[in-house]
Amino acid sequence: MKLSNIGRAQESTLSLGSASKKSGFNRYQSRAAYFLIAPTLILFVIFMVIPIGMAIFLSFTNYDIISTMSWVGLDNFKRLMDDAILWQTFRNVGLLTLFYVPLMIIISLLLAVLVTQPFRGVTLFRLAFYMPTVTSAVAASIVWLWMLNSEYGIVNQLLKYVGITGPAWLSESGPAMASVIAVTLWLGVGGNMIIYMAGIKGIPAQLYEAARIDGASAFKQLIHITFPMLRPTTLLVSTMTIIGALQIFDQAYVLTQGGPANSTKTIVYHIYTTGFEQLQMGFASAQALVLTLTILIFTAINFKINQSKD
């Protein structure tokens, strides 16, 4: 009886010692984890949390960098209702998004399907399609600014070679918007192609084998297998594309400077003009908050539409 009691006491002592060791190890792991994520958290607070907080605060002031800041309450948001250029930029971005998002999804998906096929030189094609994604938007837009020049640009020179008179791509409202959309597509399609490639690699090969046995063509396989199986991927791509469309700035700034007659001026470009050219930081902050709310609304709508399809 005494031996059994001694054994139990030893077991309890060992278990307590083991538990204390585990507890100490867990505390060490927790400290190490906090230490490792601390730099990222600090940068996040400095470059995200503080600027967002400052923007919210400034939106209720008339801060213009030069004079003394004063509290104006909701006056900046009331001014938004009478800002005709702001609402024109919303219409511009709405039109841009209407064409840009579907084209981005379709082109990036088709390119992903193409470069996942086994053929000679496929790696070179992948690299060629992806390279614009890692190119600076400003640098690429400057190159396209030269290429789309109505007098000496290579695009109109090629059209002239085949007997077509090219338009003034950057000084007419319709072609100017088309140019901004085309350059934005060229810059972004490679990244979304990579995302779709990853999604395609995850589709079971047995589905395609069964479809081929049933006599399904490549087009039917794309419509009935590839695209439905890539719905989660399409949700990701469409969400990022919508957010990107609402935040376009570089291309419009470099290619058209918002012209002609503000027909290609984007929301972010207008915020930049208000804040850094007119020095109305408070009013620009209010515009930025409205843009943020718009992005959240469109993102929520996109998620809701995709969930209803499921």
C-alpha atoms as a PDB file:
ATOM      1  CA  MET A   1       0.000   0.000   0.000  1.00  0.00           C
ATOM      2  CA  LYS A   2       2.838   2.323   0.979  1.00  0.00           C
ATOM      3  CA  LEU A   3       4.711   1.465  -2.234  1.00  0.00           C
ATOM      4  CA  SER A   4       1.691   2.309  -4.359  1.00  0.00           C
ATOM      5  CA  ASN A   5       1.285   5.640  -2.577  1.00  0.00           C
ATOM      6  CA  ILE A   6       4.947   6.409  -3.133  1.00  0.00           C
ATOM      7  CA  GLY A   7       4.553   5.526  -6.838  1.00  0.00           C
ATOM      8  CA  ARG A   8       1.576   7.790  -7.193  1.00  0.00           C
ATOM      9  CA  ALA A   9       3.414  10.613  -5.467  1.00  0.00           C
ATOM     10  CA  GLN A  10       6.361  10.181  -7.836  1.00  0.00           C
ATOM     11  CA  GLU A  11       4.044  10.159 -10.874  1.00  0.00           C
ATOM     12  CA  SER A  12       2.290  13.316  -9.711  1.00  0.00           C
ATOM     13  CA  THR A  13       5.653  14.978  -9.095  1.00  0.00           C
ATOM     14  CA  LEU A  14       6.845  14.028 -12.576  1.00  0.00           C
ATOM     15  CA  SER A  15       3.611  15.226 -14.166  1.00  0.00           C
ATOM     16  CA  LEU A  16       3.859  18.538 -12.314  1.00  0.00           C
ATOM     17  CA  GLY A  17       7.453  18.904 -13.425  1.00  0.00           C
ATOM     18  CA  SER A  18       6.522  18.072 -17.022  1.00  0.00           C
ATOM     19  CA  ALA A  19       3.611  20.525 -16.928  1.00  0.00           C
ATOM     20  CA  SER A  20       5.828  23.291 -15.564  1.00  0.00           C
ATOM     21  CA  LYS A  21       8.399  22.593 -18.296  1.00  0.00           C
ATOM     22  CA  LYS A  22       5.682  22.716 -20.961  1.00  0.00           C
ATOM     23  CA  SER A  23       4.313  25.916 -19.463  1.00  0.00           C
ATOM     24  CA  GLY A  24       7.760  27.471 -19.494  1.00  0.00           C
ATOM     25  CA  PHE A  25       8.320  26.356 -23.089  1.00  0.00           C
ATOM     26  CA  ASN A  26       4.960  27.771 -24.141  1.00  0.00           C
ATOM     27  CA  ARG A  27       5.814  31.092 -22.517  1.00  0.00           C
ATOM     28  CA  TYR A  28       9.133  31.074 -24.369  1.00  0.00           C
ATOM     29  CA  GLN A  29       7.337  30.363 -27.655  1.00  0.00           C
ATOM     30  CA  SER A  30       4.872  33.183 -27.005  1.00  0.00           C
ATOM     31  CA  ARG A  31       7.656  35.654 -26.283  1.00  0.00           C
ATOM     32  CA  ALA A  32       9.556  34.533 -29.378  1.00  0.00           C
ATOM     33  CA  ALA A  33       6.420  34.890 -31.511  1.00  0.00           C
ATOM     34  CA  TYR A  34       5.739  38.410 -30.229  1.00  0.00           C
ATOM     35  CA  PHE A  35       9.387  39.313 -30.787  1.00  0.00           C
ATOM     36  CA  LEU A  36       9.278  38.075 -34.393  1.00  0.00           C
ATOM     37  CA  ILE A  37       6.049  39.847 -35.342  1.00  0.00           C
ATOM     38  CA  ALA A  38       6.909  43.060 -33.468  1.00  0.00           C
ATOM     39  CA  PRO A  39       8.748  44.744 -36.417  1.00  0.00           C
ATOM     40  CA  THR A  40       5.827  44.054 -38.756  1.00  0.00           C
ATOM     41  CA  LEU A  41       3.306  45.293 -36.200  1.00  0.00           C
ATOM     42  CA  ILE A  42       5.328  48.452 -35.593  1.00  0.00           C
ATOM     43  CA  LEU A  43       5.529  49.181 -39.328  1.00  0.00           C
ATOM     44  CA  PHE A  44       1.810  48.432 -39.700  1.00  0.00           C
ATOM     45  CA  VAL A  45       0.960  50.897 -36.933  1.00  0.00           C
ATOM     46  CA  ILE A  46       3.295  53.587 -38.312  1.00  0.00           C
ATOM     47  CA  PHE A  47       2.330  53.321 -41.976  1.00  0.00           C
ATOM     48  CA  MET A  48      -1.302  52.147 -41.753  1.00  0.00           C
ATOM     49  CA  VAL A  49      -3.028  52.735 -38.425  1.00  0.00           C
ATOM     50  CA  ILE A  50      -1.626  56.201 -37.706  1.00  0.00           C
ATOM     51  CA  PRO A  51      -2.217  57.567 -41.262  1.00  0.00           C
ATOM     52  CA  ILE A  52      -5.788  56.229 -41.264  1.00  0.00           C
ATOM     53  CA  GLY A  53      -6.410  57.807 -37.874  1.00  0.00           C
ATOM     54  CA  MET A  54      -4.911  61.100 -39.074  1.00  0.00           C
ATOM     55  CA  ALA A  55      -7.046  61.042 -42.228  1.00  0.00           C
ATOM     56  CA  ILE A  56     -10.193  60.531 -40.175  1.00  0.00           C
ATOM     57  CA  PHE A  57      -9.208  63.387 -37.863  1.00  0.00           C
ATOM     58  CA  LEU A  58      -8.208  65.751 -40.694  1.00  0.00           C
ATOM     59  CA  SER A  59     -11.488  65.135 -42.526  1.00  0.00           C
ATOM     60  CA  PHE A  60     -13.201  67.144 -39.772  1.00  0.00           C
ATOM     61  CA  THR A  61     -10.790  70.085 -40.062  1.00  0.00           C
ATOM     62  CA  ASN A  62      -9.854  72.734 -42.628  1.00  0.00           C
ATOM     63  CA  TYR A  63      -6.145  71.861 -42.484  1.00  0.00           C
ATOM     64  CA  ASP A  64      -4.219  73.386 -45.410  1.00  0.00           C
ATOM     65  CA  ILE A  65      -0.588  72.919 -44.205  1.00  0.00           C
ATOM     66  CA  ILE A  66       0.043  76.689 -44.091  1.00  0.00           C
ATOM     67  CA  SER A  67      -2.515  78.221 -41.733  1.00  0.00           C
ATOM     68  CA  THR A  68      -3.649  77.104 -38.297  1.00  0.00           C
ATOM     69  CA  MET A  69      -5.871  74.025 -38.238  1.00  0.00           C
ATOM     70  CA  SER A  70      -9.456  74.486 -37.057  1.00  0.00           C
ATOM     71  CA  TRP A  71     -12.349  72.105 -36.439  1.00  0.00           C
ATOM     72  CA  VAL A  72     -15.152  72.335 -39.029  1.00  0.00           C
ATOM     73  CA  GLY A  73     -17.188  69.247 -38.143  1.00  0.00           C
ATOM     74  CA  LEU A  74     -19.113  67.818 -41.085  1.00  0.00           C
ATOM     75  CA  ASP A  75     -18.562  70.806 -43.389  1.00  0.00           C
ATOM     76  CA  ASN A  76     -16.072  68.929 -45.585  1.00  0.00           C
ATOM     77  CA  PHE A  77     -18.570  66.116 -46.130  1.00  0.00           C
ATOM     78  CA  LYS A  78     -21.289  68.650 -46.979  1.00  0.00           C
ATOM     79  CA  ARG A  79     -18.939  70.191 -49.550  1.00  0.00           C
ATOM     80  CA  LEU A  80     -18.617  66.791 -51.209  1.00  0.00           C
ATOM     81  CA  MET A  81     -22.222  67.018 -52.360  1.00  0.00           C
ATOM     82  CA  ASP A  82     -21.375  70.127 -54.413  1.00  0.00           C
ATOM     83  CA  ASP A  83     -18.054  68.837 -55.767  1.00  0.00           C
ATOM     84  CA  ALA A  84     -18.982  68.290 -59.422  1.00  0.00           C
ATOM     85  CA  ILE A  85     -15.514  67.057 -60.377  1.00  0.00           C
ATOM     86  CA  LEU A  86     -15.560  64.410 -57.637  1.00  0.00           C
ATOM     87  CA  TRP A  87     -18.815  62.946 -58.924  1.00  0.00           C
ATOM     88  CA  GLN A  88     -17.470  63.063 -62.471  1.00  0.00           C
ATOM     89  CA  THR A  89     -14.455  61.053 -61.327  1.00  0.00           C
ATOM     90  CA  PHE A  90     -16.830  58.513 -59.794  1.00  0.00           C
ATOM     91  CA  ARG A  91     -18.594  58.219 -63.169  1.00  0.00           C
ATOM     92  CA  ASN A  92     -15.241  57.897 -64.934  1.00  0.00           C
ATOM     93  CA  VAL A  93     -14.067  55.150 -62.594  1.00  0.00           C
ATOM     94  CA  GLY A  94     -17.451  53.420 -62.838  1.00  0.00           C
ATOM     95  CA  LEU A  95     -17.138  53.332 -66.639  1.00  0.00           C
ATOM     96  CA  LEU A  96     -13.535  52.177 -66.384  1.00  0.00           C
ATOM     97  CA  THR A  97     -14.467  49.412 -63.934  1.00  0.00           C
ATOM     98  CA  LEU A  98     -17.345  48.265 -66.136  1.00  0.00           C
ATOM     99  CA  PHE A  99     -14.921  47.395 -68.946  1.00  0.00           C
ATOM    100  CA  TYR A 100     -11.714  46.786 -67.027  1.00  0.00           C
ATOM    101  CA  VAL A 101     -12.870  44.127 -64.548  1.00  0.00           C
ATOM    102  CA  PRO A 102     -14.507  41.696 -67.043  1.00  0.00           C
ATOM    103  CA  LEU A 103     -11.627  42.109 -69.491  1.00  0.00           C
ATOM    104  CA  MET A 104      -9.083  41.466 -66.744  1.00  0.00           C
ATOM    105  CA  ILE A 105     -10.843  38.273 -65.645  1.00  0.00           C
ATOM    106  CA  ILE A 106     -11.317  36.936 -69.183  1.00  0.00           C
ATOM    107  CA  ILE A 107      -7.835  37.748 -70.491  1.00  0.00           C
ATOM    108  CA  SER A 108      -5.956  36.543 -67.403  1.00  0.00           C
ATOM    109  CA  LEU A 109      -7.987  33.312 -67.334  1.00  0.00           C
ATOM    110  CA  LEU A 110      -7.403  32.594 -71.027  1.00  0.00           C
ATOM    111  CA  LEU A 111      -3.685  33.314 -70.680  1.00  0.00           C
ATOM    112  CA  ALA A 112      -3.503  31.018 -67.645  1.00  0.00           C
ATOM    113  CA  VAL A 113      -5.207  28.234 -69.598  1.00  0.00           C
ATOM    114  CA  LEU A 114      -2.770  28.807 -72.465  1.00  0.00           C
ATOM    115  CA  VAL A 115       0.433  28.747 -70.415  1.00  0.00           C
ATOM    116  CA  THR A 116      -0.588  25.679 -68.408  1.00  0.00           C
ATOM    117  CA  GLN A 117      -0.548  23.619 -71.609  1.00  0.00           C
ATOM    118  CA  PRO A 118       2.602  21.561 -72.275  1.00  0.00           C
ATOM    119  CA  PHE A 119       4.320  23.032 -75.334  1.00  0.00           C
ATOM    120  CA  ARG A 120       7.821  24.152 -76.221  1.00  0.00           C
ATOM    121  CA  GLY A 121       8.696  27.629 -74.970  1.00  0.00           C
ATOM    122  CA  VAL A 122       5.852  27.820 -72.443  1.00  0.00           C
ATOM    123  CA  THR A 123       8.227  29.179 -69.772  1.00  0.00           C
ATOM    124  CA  LEU A 124       9.199  32.036 -72.076  1.00  0.00           C
ATOM    125  CA  PHE A 125       5.537  32.891 -72.634  1.00  0.00           C
ATOM    126  CA  ARG A 126       4.876  32.862 -68.886  1.00  0.00           C
ATOM    127  CA  LEU A 127       7.801  35.203 -68.328  1.00  0.00           C
ATOM    128  CA  ALA A 128       6.710  37.539 -71.130  1.00  0.00           C
ATOM    129  CA  PHE A 129       3.156  37.808 -69.820  1.00  0.00           C
ATOM    130  CA  TYR A 130       4.288  38.296 -66.217  1.00  0.00           C
ATOM    131  CA  MET A 131       7.054  40.868 -66.782  1.00  0.00           C
ATOM    132  CA  PRO A 132       4.744  43.936 -66.990  1.00  0.00           C
ATOM    133  CA  THR A 133       3.477  43.149 -63.482  1.00  0.00           C
ATOM    134  CA  VAL A 134       6.894  43.850 -61.954  1.00  0.00           C
ATOM    135  CA  THR A 135       7.353  46.990 -64.052  1.00  0.00           C
ATOM    136  CA  SER A 136       6.858  50.399 -62.471  1.00  0.00           C
ATOM    137  CA  ALA A 137       3.451  51.782 -63.458  1.00  0.00           C
ATOM    138  CA  VAL A 138       4.947  55.238 -63.990  1.00  0.00           C
ATOM    139  CA  ALA A 139       7.803  53.966 -66.154  1.00  0.00           C
ATOM    140  CA  ALA A 140       5.466  51.784 -68.216  1.00  0.00           C
ATOM    141  CA  SER A 141       3.007  54.653 -68.649  1.00  0.00           C
ATOM    142  CA  ILE A 142       5.806  56.910 -69.921  1.00  0.00           C
ATOM    143  CA  VAL A 143       6.689  54.297 -72.552  1.00  0.00           C
ATOM    144  CA  TRP A 144       3.038  53.972 -73.554  1.00  0.00           C
ATOM    145  CA  LEU A 145       2.776  57.783 -73.664  1.00  0.00           C
ATOM    146  CA  TRP A 146       5.346  57.738 -76.441  1.00  0.00           C
ATOM    147  CA  MET A 147       3.825  54.714 -78.198  1.00  0.00           C
ATOM    148  CA  LEU A 148       0.324  56.260 -78.232  1.00  0.00           C
ATOM    149  CA  ASN A 149       1.416  59.684 -79.465  1.00  0.00           C
ATOM    150  CA  SER A 150      -0.904  60.628 -82.331  1.00  0.00           C
ATOM    151  CA  GLU A 151       1.891  62.065 -84.517  1.00  0.00           C
ATOM    152  CA  TYR A 152       4.932  59.832 -84.102  1.00  0.00           C
ATOM    153  CA  GLY A 153       3.730  56.990 -81.846  1.00  0.00           C
ATOM    154  CA  ILE A 154       4.385  53.447 -82.998  1.00  0.00           C
ATOM    155  CA  VAL A 155       0.710  52.453 -82.628  1.00  0.00           C
ATOM    156  CA  ASN A 156      -0.537  55.009 -85.149  1.00  0.00           C
ATOM    157  CA  GLN A 157       2.454  54.336 -87.394  1.00  0.00           C
ATOM    158  CA  LEU A 158       1.493  50.658 -87.571  1.00  0.00           C
ATOM    159  CA  LEU A 159      -2.134  51.578 -88.258  1.00  0.00           C
ATOM    160  CA  LYS A 160      -1.008  53.969 -90.977  1.00  0.00           C
ATOM    161  CA  TYR A 161       1.072  51.178 -92.519  1.00  0.00           C
ATOM    162  CA  VAL A 162      -2.109  49.118 -93.075  1.00  0.00           C
ATOM    163  CA  GLY A 163      -4.088  52.113 -94.339  1.00  0.00           C
ATOM    164  CA  ILE A 164      -5.893  53.129 -91.126  1.00  0.00           C
ATOM    165  CA  THR A 165      -5.780  56.640 -89.716  1.00  0.00           C
ATOM    166  CA  GLY A 166      -5.283  56.292 -85.985  1.00  0.00           C
ATOM    167  CA  PRO A 167      -7.141  58.529 -83.531  1.00  0.00           C
ATOM    168  CA  ALA A 168      -5.634  60.998 -81.101  1.00  0.00           C
ATOM    169  CA  TRP A 169      -5.368  58.364 -78.399  1.00  0.00           C
ATOM    170  CA  LEU A 170      -4.649  60.679 -75.501  1.00  0.00           C
ATOM    171  CA  SER A 171      -6.527  63.854 -76.440  1.00  0.00           C
ATOM    172  CA  GLU A 172      -9.991  62.502 -77.316  1.00  0.00           C
ATOM    173  CA  SER A 173     -12.243  61.370 -74.470  1.00  0.00           C
ATOM    174  CA  GLY A 174     -13.180  57.927 -75.847  1.00  0.00           C
ATOM    175  CA  PRO A 175      -9.720  56.824 -77.026  1.00  0.00           C
ATOM    176  CA  ALA A 176      -8.140  58.348 -73.906  1.00  0.00           C
ATOM    177  CA  MET A 177     -10.261  56.209 -71.584  1.00  0.00           C
ATOM    178  CA  ALA A 178      -9.585  53.159 -73.775  1.00  0.00           C
ATOM    179  CA  SER A 179      -5.854  53.891 -73.533  1.00  0.00           C
ATOM    180  CA  VAL A 180      -5.952  54.087 -69.733  1.00  0.00           C
ATOM    181  CA  ILE A 181      -7.867  50.793 -69.588  1.00  0.00           C
ATOM    182  CA  ALA A 182      -5.486  49.087 -72.039  1.00  0.00           C
ATOM    183  CA  VAL A 183      -2.342  50.171 -70.191  1.00  0.00           C
ATOM    184  CA  THR A 184      -3.841  49.147 -66.841  1.00  0.00           C
ATOM    185  CA  LEU A 185      -4.711  45.737 -68.279  1.00  0.00           C
ATOM    186  CA  TRP A 186      -1.207  45.351 -69.681  1.00  0.00           C
ATOM    187  CA  LEU A 187       0.271  46.107 -66.264  1.00  0.00           C
ATOM    188  CA  GLY A 188      -1.975  43.832 -64.211  1.00  0.00           C
ATOM    189  CA  VAL A 189      -2.941  40.831 -66.304  1.00  0.00           C
ATOM    190  CA  GLY A 190       0.273  38.902 -65.588  1.00  0.00           C
ATOM    191  CA  GLY A 191      -0.237  38.823 -61.825  1.00  0.00           C
ATOM    192  CA  ASN A 192      -3.795  37.558 -62.134  1.00  0.00           C
ATOM    193  CA  MET A 193      -2.623  35.011 -64.705  1.00  0.00           C
ATOM    194  CA  ILE A 194      -0.308  33.529 -62.051  1.00  0.00           C
ATOM    195  CA  ILE A 195      -3.205  33.332 -59.577  1.00  0.00           C
ATOM    196  CA  TYR A 196      -5.370  31.529 -62.139  1.00  0.00           C
ATOM    197  CA  MET A 197      -2.486  29.189 -62.976  1.00  0.00           C
ATOM    198  CA  ALA A 198      -2.311  28.142 -59.330  1.00  0.00           C
ATOM    199  CA  GLY A 199      -6.061  27.526 -59.359  1.00  0.00           C
ATOM    200  CA  ILE A 200      -5.898  25.464 -62.555  1.00  0.00           C
ATOM    201  CA  LYS A 201      -3.118  23.300 -61.107  1.00  0.00           C
ATOM    202  CA  GLY A 202      -5.482  22.418 -58.258  1.00  0.00           C
ATOM    203  CA  ILE A 203      -8.247  21.072 -60.520  1.00  0.00           C
ATOM    204  CA  PRO A 204      -8.246  17.233 -60.544  1.00  0.00           C
ATOM    205  CA  ALA A 205      -6.975  15.863 -63.870  1.00  0.00           C
ATOM    206  CA  GLN A 206      -9.604  13.097 -63.711  1.00  0.00           C
ATOM    207  CA  LEU A 207     -12.322  15.640 -64.517  1.00  0.00           C
ATOM    208  CA  TYR A 208     -10.678  16.536 -67.828  1.00  0.00           C
ATOM    209  CA  GLU A 209     -10.001  12.881 -68.638  1.00  0.00           C
ATOM    210  CA  ALA A 210     -13.658  12.001 -68.075  1.00  0.00           C
ATOM    211  CA  ALA A 211     -14.743  14.979 -70.193  1.00  0.00           C
ATOM    212  CA  ARG A 212     -12.459  13.943 -73.054  1.00  0.00           C
ATOM    213  CA  ILE A 213     -13.822  10.386 -72.899  1.00  0.00           C
ATOM    214  CA  ASP A 214     -17.331  11.845 -73.195  1.00  0.00           C
ATOM    215  CA  GLY A 215     -16.216  13.786 -76.267  1.00  0.00           C
ATOM    216  CA  ALA A 216     -16.199  17.269 -74.719  1.00  0.00           C
ATOM    217  CA  SER A 217     -14.266  19.851 -76.722  1.00  0.00           C
ATOM    218  CA  ALA A 218     -11.613  22.111 -75.186  1.00  0.00           C
ATOM    219  CA  PHE A 219     -14.116  24.985 -75.135  1.00  0.00           C
ATOM    220  CA  LYS A 220     -16.720  22.911 -73.289  1.00  0.00           C
ATOM    221  CA  GLN A 221     -14.084  21.794 -70.793  1.00  0.00           C
ATOM    222  CA  LEU A 222     -13.245  25.451 -70.178  1.00  0.00           C
ATOM    223  CA  ILE A 223     -16.899  26.450 -69.683  1.00  0.00           C
ATOM    224  CA  HIS A 224     -18.135  23.440 -67.703  1.00  0.00           C
ATOM    225  CA  ILE A 225     -15.039  22.410 -65.722  1.00  0.00           C
ATOM    226  CA  THR A 226     -12.315  25.044 -65.559  1.00  0.00           C
ATOM    227  CA  PHE A 227     -14.371  28.163 -64.959  1.00  0.00           C
ATOM    228  CA  PRO A 228     -16.777  26.661 -62.360  1.00  0.00           C
ATOM    229  CA  MET A 229     -13.889  25.074 -60.447  1.00  0.00           C
ATOM    230  CA  LEU A 230     -12.094  28.424 -60.415  1.00  0.00           C
ATOM    231  CA  ARG A 231     -14.964  30.331 -58.792  1.00  0.00           C
ATOM    232  CA  PRO A 232     -13.052  30.968 -55.523  1.00  0.00           C
ATOM    233  CA  THR A 233     -10.072  32.143 -57.571  1.00  0.00           C
ATOM    234  CA  THR A 234     -12.317  34.393 -59.642  1.00  0.00           C
ATOM    235  CA  LEU A 235     -13.711  35.901 -56.436  1.00  0.00           C
ATOM    236  CA  LEU A 236     -10.173  36.787 -55.356  1.00  0.00           C
ATOM    237  CA  VAL A 237      -9.205  38.163 -58.769  1.00  0.00           C
ATOM    238  CA  SER A 238     -12.411  40.176 -59.202  1.00  0.00           C
ATOM    239  CA  THR A 239     -12.154  41.657 -55.702  1.00  0.00           C
ATOM    240  CA  MET A 240      -8.538  42.745 -56.176  1.00  0.00           C
ATOM    241  CA  THR A 241      -9.330  44.069 -59.655  1.00  0.00           C
ATOM    242  CA  ILE A 242     -12.274  46.159 -58.435  1.00  0.00           C
ATOM    243  CA  ILE A 243     -10.175  47.607 -55.618  1.00  0.00           C
ATOM    244  CA  GLY A 244      -7.358  48.325 -58.075  1.00  0.00           C
ATOM    245  CA  ALA A 245      -9.733  49.996 -60.542  1.00  0.00           C
ATOM    246  CA  LEU A 246     -11.100  52.314 -57.862  1.00  0.00           C
ATOM    247  CA  GLN A 247      -7.545  53.310 -56.922  1.00  0.00           C
ATOM    248  CA  ILE A 248      -6.055  53.941 -60.382  1.00  0.00           C
ATOM    249  CA  PHE A 249      -3.794  56.989 -60.386  1.00  0.00           C
ATOM    250  CA  ASP A 250      -0.426  56.568 -62.146  1.00  0.00           C
ATOM    251  CA  GLN A 251      -1.765  55.742 -65.591  1.00  0.00           C
ATOM    252  CA  ALA A 252      -4.256  58.626 -65.690  1.00  0.00           C
ATOM    253  CA  TYR A 253      -1.687  61.049 -64.282  1.00  0.00           C
ATOM    254  CA  VAL A 254       1.071  60.181 -66.756  1.00  0.00           C
ATOM    255  CA  LEU A 255      -0.938  59.414 -69.900  1.00  0.00           C
ATOM    256  CA  THR A 256      -3.692  62.041 -69.925  1.00  0.00           C
ATOM    257  CA  GLN A 257      -3.349  64.136 -66.743  1.00  0.00           C
ATOM    258  CA  GLY A 258      -7.058  63.527 -66.300  1.00  0.00           C
ATOM    259  CA  GLY A 259      -8.005  65.039 -69.650  1.00  0.00           C
ATOM    260  CA  PRO A 260      -9.515  65.843 -71.931  1.00  0.00           C
ATOM    261  CA  ALA A 261     -11.985  67.889 -69.852  1.00  0.00           C
ATOM    262  CA  ASN A 262     -11.559  65.585 -66.819  1.00  0.00           C
ATOM    263  CA  SER A 263     -12.911  62.635 -68.827  1.00  0.00           C
ATOM    264  CA  THR A 264     -10.169  60.309 -67.546  1.00  0.00           C
ATOM    265  CA  LYS A 265      -9.629  61.879 -64.136  1.00  0.00           C
ATOM    266  CA  THR A 266      -9.865  59.238 -61.424  1.00  0.00           C
ATOM    267  CA  ILE A 267     -10.943  59.529 -57.794  1.00  0.00           C
ATOM    268  CA  VAL A 268      -7.415  59.158 -56.422  1.00  0.00           C
ATOM    269  CA  TYR A 269      -6.137  61.706 -58.951  1.00  0.00           C
ATOM    270  CA  HIS A 270      -8.776  64.176 -57.754  1.00  0.00           C
ATOM    271  CA  ILE A 271      -7.821  63.529 -54.113  1.00  0.00           C
ATOM    272  CA  TYR A 272      -4.182  64.165 -55.038  1.00  0.00           C
ATOM    273  CA  THR A 273      -5.095  67.419 -56.786  1.00  0.00           C
ATOM    274  CA  THR A 274      -7.209  68.605 -53.859  1.00  0.00           C
ATOM    275  CA  GLY A 275      -4.631  67.727 -51.225  1.00  0.00           C
ATOM    276  CA  PHE A 276      -1.239  68.408 -52.790  1.00  0.00           C
ATOM    277  CA  GLU A 277      -1.976  71.053 -55.431  1.00  0.00           C
ATOM    278  CA  GLN A 278      -4.775  73.003 -53.750  1.00  0.00           C
ATOM    279  CA  LEU A 279      -3.445  72.200 -50.235  1.00  0.00           C
ATOM    280  CA  GLN A 280      -6.938  71.384 -48.927  1.00  0.00           C
ATOM    281  CA  MET A 281      -5.824  68.454 -46.793  1.00  0.00           C
ATOM    282  CA  GLY A 282      -8.997  68.340 -44.716  1.00  0.00           C
ATOM    283  CA  PHE A 283     -11.242  68.219 -47.772  1.00  0.00           C
ATOM    284  CA  ALA A 284      -8.964  65.664 -49.461  1.00  0.00           C
ATOM    285  CA  SER A 285      -9.138  63.466 -46.352  1.00  0.00           C
ATOM    286  CA  ALA A 286     -12.939  63.561 -46.501  1.00  0.00           C
ATOM    287  CA  GLN A 287     -12.779  62.508 -50.165  1.00  0.00           C
ATOM    288  CA  ALA A 288     -10.412  59.669 -49.235  1.00  0.00           C
ATOM    289  CA  LEU A 289     -12.832  58.410 -46.575  1.00  0.00           C
ATOM    290  CA  VAL A 290     -15.649  58.388 -49.130  1.00  0.00           C
ATOM    291  CA  LEU A 291     -13.419  56.382 -51.489  1.00  0.00           C
ATOM    292  CA  THR A 292     -12.611  53.926 -48.688  1.00  0.00           C
ATOM    293  CA  LEU A 293     -16.308  53.470 -47.957  1.00  0.00           C
ATOM    294  CA  THR A 294     -16.967  52.948 -51.683  1.00  0.00           C
ATOM    295  CA  ILE A 295     -14.277  50.245 -51.864  1.00  0.00           C
ATOM    296  CA  LEU A 296     -15.755  48.456 -48.848  1.00  0.00           C
ATOM    297  CA  ILE A 297     -19.260  48.589 -50.355  1.00  0.00           C
ATOM    298  CA  PHE A 298     -18.178  47.236 -53.742  1.00  0.00           C
ATOM    299  CA  THR A 299     -16.108  44.507 -52.079  1.00  0.00           C
ATOM    300  CA  ALA A 300     -19.082  43.459 -49.946  1.00  0.00           C
ATOM    301  CA  ILE A 301     -21.375  43.429 -53.007  1.00  0.00           C
ATOM    302  CA  ASN A 302     -18.869  41.300 -54.918  1.00  0.00           C
ATOM    303  CA  PHE A 303     -18.664  38.783 -52.052  1.00  0.00           C
ATOM    304  CA  LYS A 304     -22.468  38.712 -51.781  1.00  0.00           C
ATOM    305  CA  ILE A 305     -22.913  38.047 -55.504  1.00  0.00           C
ATOM    306  CA  ASN A 306     -20.404  35.193 -55.448  1.00  0.00           C
ATOM    307  CA  GLN A 307     -21.956  33.675 -52.316  1.00  0.00           C
ATOM    308  CA  SER A 308     -25.411  33.744 -53.917  1.00  0.00           C
ATOM    309  CA  LYS A 309     -24.010  31.830 -56.904  1.00  0.00           C
ATOM    310  CA  ASP A 310     -22.739  29.119 -54.563  1.00  0.00           C
END
